[in-house]
Amino acid sequence: MLDFFAHIWFWIVACLLVGGVTGARARRAPRRKGLARWLVWALLAFSAGLVAVAIDAMQGALAIYLESALACLAAFLVGAGATALATRGSLAAHESWALGLVPAAALWWAGTLFAQPAYQAQLQKRVVALAQAAGVDPSGIALVGRDVSAPGAVAQNKALMELIAAAPGVRRVIAVEGAAAPVATAEAEKPAPAPEKPPAPLDADPKAVLATLKSGDLDAASCQRALDAVAALDPVAFNAARSSINRQAAYALDKAVEVIRRCPDATIEVRGYGDATMQVDPLSERRARAAERYLRREGVGGRRLVAVGCCPPVAEAKAPRPSAIEFIVR
């Protein structure tokens, strides 16, 4: 956790400064003796958050949001209290500190939008580098918040699992379903499905594949072929170096939603591809998460979707990949 706080230090210090300004400008003391009501609730929420972090009650992205929120709130209160004591010698005017919560909350939200995705991309690079150093294929390693999901090839290497679990910033490592090695953390968690290699290219015209699909629910093989056909006909395209869903990408994802709804028993890996040639392009993860969020808003949610920032464009291909998003059925 300290590694994460070191990465978002700017936002924590900004909240500290907001608290300092708030404490220095406070004028009004509470009408009744004791703590102001808002401060009581804030301290109760802070205590509940600390307990949730201590017992690992939150997972994935929710956990990292909670950790950053606790750090910003603590910095704000420390800044307000320290300044009030230094300038006035008293905390009596703490009731008016509540006004400073608004800019502090805005700073926390800005940190979640800018600092946290960059940290997660950096952490994934760190984990992938460990796998590559151990001679293990890192494809399929997924990161949600500070939780690492390790596919079979990684999870079967006990020494590598221990290295990843000990890496700065990693909160827990989860061995995915079917892996031989145990989870390399103190607590067990429900396993996540393992990434697989991309399926072979379609051997038939995509329009013919969709035209010959049976009605009703699809099995895994038919679901995969249908998603490949949809991606071939309507590829998900992003603007260069961007991960926001534009009109063309939304149209293509809507086509994929129609197929995914017919695959009730399948888990879909939403695999993103970037523009660079690096092994793990942070842009690929942002695109995968953007596509996953869009699909969830369209009613395809639960554990059926797994966003993975995977790979650069295929090196031996003569042209860029036709789609920046690939769907892998498990």
Protein backbone atom coordinates (compact mmCIF):
# COMPACT_ATOMS: atom_id res chain seq x y z
CA MET A 1 0.00 0.00 0.00
CA LEU A 2 2.87 2.37 0.73
CA ASP A 3 4.04 1.95 -2.87
CA PHE A 4 0.59 3.07 -4.05
CA PHE A 5 0.56 6.07 -1.71
CA ALA A 6 4.04 7.03 -2.93
CA HIS A 7 2.64 7.08 -6.48
CA ILE A 8 -0.32 9.34 -5.61
CA TRP A 9 1.68 11.60 -3.30
CA PHE A 10 0.79 14.71 -5.32
CA TRP A 11 -2.94 14.26 -4.68
CA ILE A 12 -2.41 13.46 -1.01
CA VAL A 13 -0.25 16.56 -0.54
CA ALA A 14 -2.87 18.62 -2.39
CA CYS A 15 -5.53 17.44 0.08
CA LEU A 16 -3.17 18.28 2.93
CA LEU A 17 -2.79 21.84 1.58
CA VAL A 18 -6.56 22.19 1.16
CA GLY A 19 -6.95 21.14 4.78
CA GLY A 20 -4.30 23.66 5.82
CA VAL A 21 -6.05 26.52 4.05
CA THR A 22 -9.39 25.43 5.50
CA GLY A 23 -8.01 25.31 9.05
CA ALA A 24 -6.38 28.72 8.70
CA ARG A 25 -9.53 30.41 7.37
CA ALA A 26 -11.96 28.79 9.81
CA ARG A 27 -13.92 31.36 11.77
CA ARG A 28 -16.98 29.82 13.39
CA ALA A 29 -16.88 27.58 16.48
CA PRO A 30 -19.59 24.93 17.01
CA ARG A 31 -22.65 26.07 18.95
CA ARG A 32 -22.36 23.09 21.23
CA LYS A 33 -19.25 21.78 22.92
CA GLY A 34 -17.67 18.68 21.49
CA LEU A 35 -17.15 17.50 17.95
CA ALA A 36 -19.25 18.88 15.13
CA ARG A 37 -21.76 16.42 13.74
CA TRP A 38 -20.14 16.19 10.30
CA LEU A 39 -16.77 15.43 11.87
CA VAL A 40 -18.27 12.63 13.96
CA TRP A 41 -19.70 10.99 10.84
CA ALA A 42 -16.46 11.55 8.94
CA LEU A 43 -14.43 9.87 11.68
CA LEU A 44 -16.89 6.97 11.85
CA ALA A 45 -16.67 6.50 8.08
CA PHE A 46 -12.89 6.69 8.24
CA SER A 47 -12.78 4.05 10.98
CA ALA A 48 -15.12 1.77 9.02
CA GLY A 49 -12.91 2.20 5.96
CA LEU A 50 -9.80 1.26 7.93
CA VAL A 51 -11.54 -1.89 9.17
CA ALA A 52 -12.61 -2.78 5.62
CA VAL A 53 -9.02 -2.40 4.41
CA ALA A 54 -7.64 -4.40 7.33
CA ILE A 55 -9.95 -7.38 6.74
CA ASP A 56 -9.77 -7.18 2.92
CA ALA A 57 -13.51 -6.60 2.68
CA MET A 58 -13.12 -4.73 -0.60
CA GLN A 59 -11.68 -6.27 -3.75
CA GLY A 60 -10.27 -5.05 -7.03
CA ALA A 61 -10.99 -1.47 -8.06
CA LEU A 62 -13.19 -0.77 -5.02
CA ALA A 63 -10.27 -1.52 -2.71
CA ILE A 64 -7.91 0.93 -4.41
CA TYR A 65 -10.62 3.62 -4.49
CA LEU A 66 -11.17 3.15 -0.75
CA GLU A 67 -7.45 3.29 0.02
CA SER A 68 -6.98 6.55 -1.87
CA ALA A 69 -10.11 8.05 -0.28
CA LEU A 70 -8.85 7.23 3.21
CA ALA A 71 -5.44 8.76 2.44
CA CYS A 72 -6.99 11.98 1.10
CA LEU A 73 -9.40 12.32 4.05
CA ALA A 74 -6.61 11.73 6.55
CA ALA A 75 -4.39 14.30 4.82
CA PHE A 76 -7.21 16.86 4.80
CA LEU A 77 -7.96 16.43 8.52
CA VAL A 78 -4.28 16.51 9.47
CA GLY A 79 -3.72 19.66 7.43
CA ALA A 80 -6.75 21.43 8.90
CA GLY A 81 -5.94 20.43 12.47
CA ALA A 82 -2.24 21.27 12.28
CA THR A 83 -2.88 24.70 10.75
CA ALA A 84 -5.63 25.50 13.23
CA LEU A 85 -3.34 24.67 16.15
CA ALA A 86 -0.43 26.59 14.65
CA THR A 87 -2.38 29.77 13.87
CA ARG A 88 -5.03 29.82 16.58
CA GLY A 89 -3.84 27.37 19.19
CA SER A 90 -7.29 25.77 19.20
CA LEU A 91 -9.48 23.38 17.20
CA ALA A 92 -12.67 25.09 18.34
CA ALA A 93 -13.61 26.35 14.86
CA HIS A 94 -13.54 22.87 13.31
CA GLU A 95 -17.24 22.99 12.38
CA SER A 96 -16.49 25.23 9.38
CA TRP A 97 -13.84 22.80 8.08
CA ALA A 98 -16.63 20.97 6.31
CA LEU A 99 -16.43 23.48 3.44
CA GLY A 100 -12.98 22.16 2.59
CA LEU A 101 -14.34 18.65 1.99
CA VAL A 102 -15.66 19.73 -1.41
CA PRO A 103 -12.27 20.61 -3.01
CA ALA A 104 -10.67 17.66 -1.19
CA ALA A 105 -13.23 15.29 -2.70
CA ALA A 106 -12.65 16.83 -6.13
CA LEU A 107 -8.91 16.22 -5.78
CA TRP A 108 -9.54 12.59 -4.77
CA TRP A 109 -11.75 12.08 -7.82
CA ALA A 110 -9.13 13.63 -10.09
CA GLY A 111 -6.57 11.23 -8.63
CA THR A 112 -8.80 8.25 -9.43
CA LEU A 113 -9.09 9.43 -13.04
CA PHE A 114 -5.43 10.20 -13.69
CA ALA A 115 -3.06 8.70 -11.13
CA GLN A 116 -4.67 5.32 -10.46
CA PRO A 117 -4.84 4.04 -14.08
CA ALA A 118 -1.19 5.01 -14.55
CA TYR A 119 -0.26 3.18 -11.36
CA GLN A 120 -2.15 0.05 -12.42
CA ALA A 121 -0.37 0.06 -15.79
CA GLN A 122 2.98 0.44 -14.00
CA LEU A 123 2.11 -2.40 -11.61
CA GLN A 124 1.12 -4.67 -14.47
CA LYS A 125 4.45 -3.99 -16.19
CA ARG A 126 6.19 -4.92 -12.94
CA VAL A 127 4.31 -8.23 -12.70
CA VAL A 128 4.82 -9.04 -16.38
CA ALA A 129 8.56 -8.37 -16.03
CA LEU A 130 8.71 -10.89 -13.16
CA ALA A 131 6.98 -13.52 -15.30
CA GLN A 132 9.28 -12.86 -18.26
CA ALA A 133 12.37 -13.06 -16.03
CA ALA A 134 11.15 -16.46 -14.83
CA GLY A 135 10.71 -17.63 -18.43
CA VAL A 136 6.91 -17.83 -18.14
CA ASP A 137 4.47 -16.53 -20.75
CA PRO A 138 2.82 -13.45 -19.17
CA SER A 139 -0.16 -13.44 -21.56
CA GLY A 140 -3.41 -13.39 -19.66
CA ILE A 141 -2.13 -11.75 -16.49
CA ALA A 142 -4.94 -9.43 -15.43
CA LEU A 143 -4.84 -6.62 -12.90
CA VAL A 144 -7.88 -5.12 -11.19
CA GLY A 145 -6.97 -2.49 -8.65
CA ARG A 146 -3.95 -4.00 -6.90
CA ASP A 147 -5.21 -7.60 -7.26
CA VAL A 148 -3.40 -9.81 -9.78
CA SER A 149 -5.18 -12.67 -11.55
CA ALA A 150 -2.60 -15.29 -12.56
CA PRO A 151 -3.39 -17.68 -15.43
CA GLY A 152 -2.42 -21.34 -15.37
CA ALA A 153 1.11 -20.94 -16.74
CA VAL A 154 1.93 -18.43 -14.00
CA ALA A 155 -0.04 -20.05 -11.18
CA GLN A 156 1.71 -23.41 -11.67
CA ASN A 157 5.05 -21.77 -10.84
CA LYS A 158 4.98 -21.52 -7.05
CA ALA A 159 8.21 -19.51 -6.81
CA LEU A 160 6.91 -16.98 -9.35
CA MET A 161 3.61 -16.67 -7.48
CA GLU A 162 5.52 -15.84 -4.30
CA LEU A 163 7.61 -13.24 -6.14
CA ILE A 164 4.52 -11.57 -7.55
CA ALA A 165 2.79 -11.60 -4.15
CA ALA A 166 5.86 -9.91 -2.62
CA ALA A 167 6.16 -7.29 -5.38
CA PRO A 168 5.64 -3.69 -4.18
CA GLY A 169 2.03 -2.63 -4.66
CA VAL A 170 0.50 -6.08 -5.16
CA ARG A 171 -2.32 -6.65 -2.67
CA ARG A 172 -3.12 -10.26 -3.50
CA VAL A 173 -2.48 -12.84 -6.22
CA ILE A 174 -5.33 -15.04 -7.34
CA ALA A 175 -4.69 -18.36 -9.08
CA VAL A 176 -7.31 -18.76 -11.78
CA GLU A 177 -9.53 -21.76 -12.19
CA GLY A 178 -7.72 -24.95 -13.06
CA ALA A 179 -4.29 -23.83 -11.83
CA ALA A 180 -2.24 -26.30 -9.79
CA ALA A 181 -0.60 -23.82 -7.44
CA PRO A 182 -2.38 -22.30 -4.42
CA VAL A 183 -3.06 -18.62 -4.00
CA ALA A 184 0.11 -16.91 -2.83
CA THR A 185 -1.64 -14.79 -0.21
CA ALA A 186 -3.01 -15.33 3.24
CA GLU A 187 -6.62 -15.42 2.14
CA ALA A 188 -8.28 -17.46 -0.60
CA GLU A 189 -10.52 -15.88 -3.16
CA LYS A 190 -12.88 -17.14 -5.77
CA PRO A 191 -10.82 -17.98 -8.85
CA ALA A 192 -11.17 -16.13 -12.11
CA PRO A 193 -11.19 -17.87 -15.50
CA ALA A 194 -7.86 -18.31 -17.27
CA PRO A 195 -7.04 -16.45 -20.48
CA GLU A 196 -6.59 -18.62 -23.51
CA LYS A 197 -4.80 -18.25 -26.81
CA PRO A 198 -6.75 -16.46 -29.52
CA PRO A 199 -8.84 -18.79 -31.68
CA ALA A 200 -7.85 -19.63 -35.21
CA PRO A 201 -9.01 -17.25 -37.95
CA LEU A 202 -12.45 -17.78 -39.42
CA ASP A 203 -12.47 -20.41 -42.15
CA ALA A 204 -15.68 -19.09 -43.65
CA ASP A 205 -17.15 -15.81 -44.74
CA PRO A 206 -18.23 -13.85 -41.63
CA LYS A 207 -21.64 -13.11 -43.11
CA ALA A 208 -22.13 -16.81 -43.79
CA VAL A 209 -21.17 -17.66 -40.21
CA LEU A 210 -23.76 -15.28 -38.79
CA ALA A 211 -26.38 -16.39 -41.30
CA THR A 212 -26.02 -20.05 -40.32
CA LEU A 213 -26.14 -19.52 -36.55
CA LYS A 214 -28.85 -21.50 -34.82
CA SER A 215 -31.54 -19.60 -32.97
CA GLY A 216 -31.55 -19.32 -29.19
CA ASP A 217 -28.60 -19.80 -26.85
CA LEU A 218 -25.16 -20.60 -28.30
CA ASP A 219 -22.55 -23.03 -27.03
CA ALA A 220 -18.98 -21.82 -26.43
CA ALA A 221 -17.71 -22.77 -29.91
CA SER A 222 -20.62 -21.14 -31.72
CA CYS A 223 -20.36 -18.06 -29.49
CA GLN A 224 -16.67 -17.70 -30.35
CA ARG A 225 -17.28 -18.04 -34.08
CA ALA A 226 -20.11 -15.53 -33.94
CA LEU A 227 -17.99 -12.98 -32.03
CA ASP A 228 -15.12 -13.47 -34.49
CA ALA A 229 -17.52 -12.87 -37.36
CA VAL A 230 -18.90 -9.72 -35.73
CA ALA A 231 -15.37 -8.40 -35.10
CA ALA A 232 -14.44 -9.10 -38.73
CA LEU A 233 -17.49 -7.32 -40.11
CA ASP A 234 -17.60 -4.46 -37.59
CA PRO A 235 -14.19 -4.04 -35.93
CA VAL A 236 -13.92 -1.96 -32.76
CA ALA A 237 -11.83 1.03 -33.78
CA PHE A 238 -10.42 3.78 -31.55
CA ASN A 239 -8.83 7.07 -32.47
CA ALA A 240 -5.03 6.96 -32.43
CA ALA A 241 -3.63 6.83 -28.88
CA ARG A 242 -7.16 7.12 -27.44
CA SER A 243 -9.32 4.77 -25.38
CA SER A 244 -12.64 6.63 -25.38
CA ILE A 245 -15.58 4.93 -27.06
CA ASN A 246 -16.41 6.79 -30.25
CA ARG A 247 -19.44 6.26 -32.48
CA GLN A 248 -17.82 3.55 -34.59
CA ALA A 249 -16.62 1.62 -31.55
CA ALA A 250 -20.06 1.88 -29.92
CA TYR A 251 -21.72 0.52 -33.04
CA ALA A 252 -19.33 -2.43 -33.16
CA LEU A 253 -19.75 -3.16 -29.45
CA ASP A 254 -23.53 -3.10 -29.84
CA LYS A 255 -23.18 -5.88 -32.41
CA ALA A 256 -21.07 -7.86 -29.95
CA VAL A 257 -23.68 -7.36 -27.21
CA GLU A 258 -26.30 -9.06 -29.39
CA VAL A 259 -24.11 -12.16 -29.54
CA ILE A 260 -22.92 -12.15 -25.91
CA ARG A 261 -26.51 -12.12 -24.68
CA ARG A 262 -26.96 -15.45 -26.44
CA CYS A 263 -24.01 -17.00 -24.59
CA PRO A 264 -25.41 -17.41 -21.05
CA ASP A 265 -22.83 -19.94 -19.84
CA ALA A 266 -19.72 -18.31 -21.30
CA THR A 267 -17.18 -16.02 -19.71
CA ILE A 268 -15.96 -13.46 -22.22
CA GLU A 269 -12.43 -12.06 -22.10
CA VAL A 270 -12.45 -8.53 -23.52
CA ARG A 271 -8.90 -8.34 -24.82
CA GLY A 272 -7.55 -4.93 -25.75
CA TYR A 273 -4.77 -4.05 -28.20
CA GLY A 274 -2.78 -0.83 -28.26
CA ASP A 275 -0.94 1.15 -30.90
CA ALA A 276 2.63 0.62 -29.67
CA THR A 277 4.99 -2.31 -30.09
CA MET A 278 5.85 -2.73 -26.41
CA GLN A 279 5.06 -6.04 -24.75
CA VAL A 280 2.35 -4.58 -22.51
CA ASP A 281 0.92 -1.33 -23.84
CA PRO A 282 -0.98 0.63 -21.13
CA LEU A 283 -3.29 1.84 -23.87
CA SER A 284 -4.43 -1.73 -24.48
CA GLU A 285 -5.64 -2.04 -20.89
CA ARG A 286 -7.48 1.28 -21.01
CA ARG A 287 -9.23 0.21 -24.21
CA ALA A 288 -10.18 -3.17 -22.74
CA ARG A 289 -11.64 -1.53 -19.64
CA ALA A 290 -13.51 1.07 -21.70
CA ALA A 291 -15.05 -1.67 -23.84
CA GLU A 292 -15.92 -3.72 -20.75
CA ARG A 293 -17.64 -0.74 -19.09
CA TYR A 294 -19.64 -0.09 -22.25
CA LEU A 295 -20.76 -3.73 -22.44
CA ARG A 296 -21.80 -3.68 -18.78
CA ARG A 297 -23.89 -0.55 -19.36
CA GLU A 298 -25.65 -2.45 -22.13
CA GLY A 299 -26.67 -5.18 -19.69
CA VAL A 300 -23.84 -7.70 -20.09
CA GLY A 301 -22.24 -7.83 -16.67
CA GLY A 302 -21.39 -9.97 -13.67
CA ARG A 303 -18.32 -12.18 -13.78
CA ARG A 304 -18.99 -12.94 -17.46
CA LEU A 305 -16.66 -10.16 -18.57
CA VAL A 306 -12.92 -10.01 -17.91
CA ALA A 307 -10.98 -7.02 -19.25
CA VAL A 308 -7.36 -7.75 -20.20
CA GLY A 309 -4.87 -5.27 -21.61
CA CYS A 310 -3.00 -7.79 -23.65
CA CYS A 311 -0.62 -7.17 -26.38
CA PRO A 312 0.78 -4.93 -29.07
CA PRO A 313 -0.27 -5.51 -32.68
CA VAL A 314 0.96 -8.83 -34.04
CA ALA A 315 4.58 -8.26 -35.16
CA GLU A 316 4.47 -10.42 -38.24
CA ALA A 317 1.28 -8.90 -39.58
CA LYS A 318 1.66 -6.65 -42.62
CA ALA A 319 -1.18 -4.41 -41.48
CA PRO A 320 -2.51 -3.34 -38.08
CA ARG A 321 -5.09 -5.54 -36.39
CA PRO A 322 -8.53 -4.90 -37.87
CA SER A 323 -10.05 -4.59 -34.37
CA ALA A 324 -8.60 -3.03 -31.22
CA ILE A 325 -10.84 -5.32 -29.13
CA GLU A 326 -10.91 -9.10 -29.36
CA PHE A 327 -13.41 -11.39 -27.62
CA ILE A 328 -12.18 -14.72 -26.25
CA VAL A 329 -14.81 -17.21 -25.05
CA ARG A 330 -13.89 -19.43 -22.12
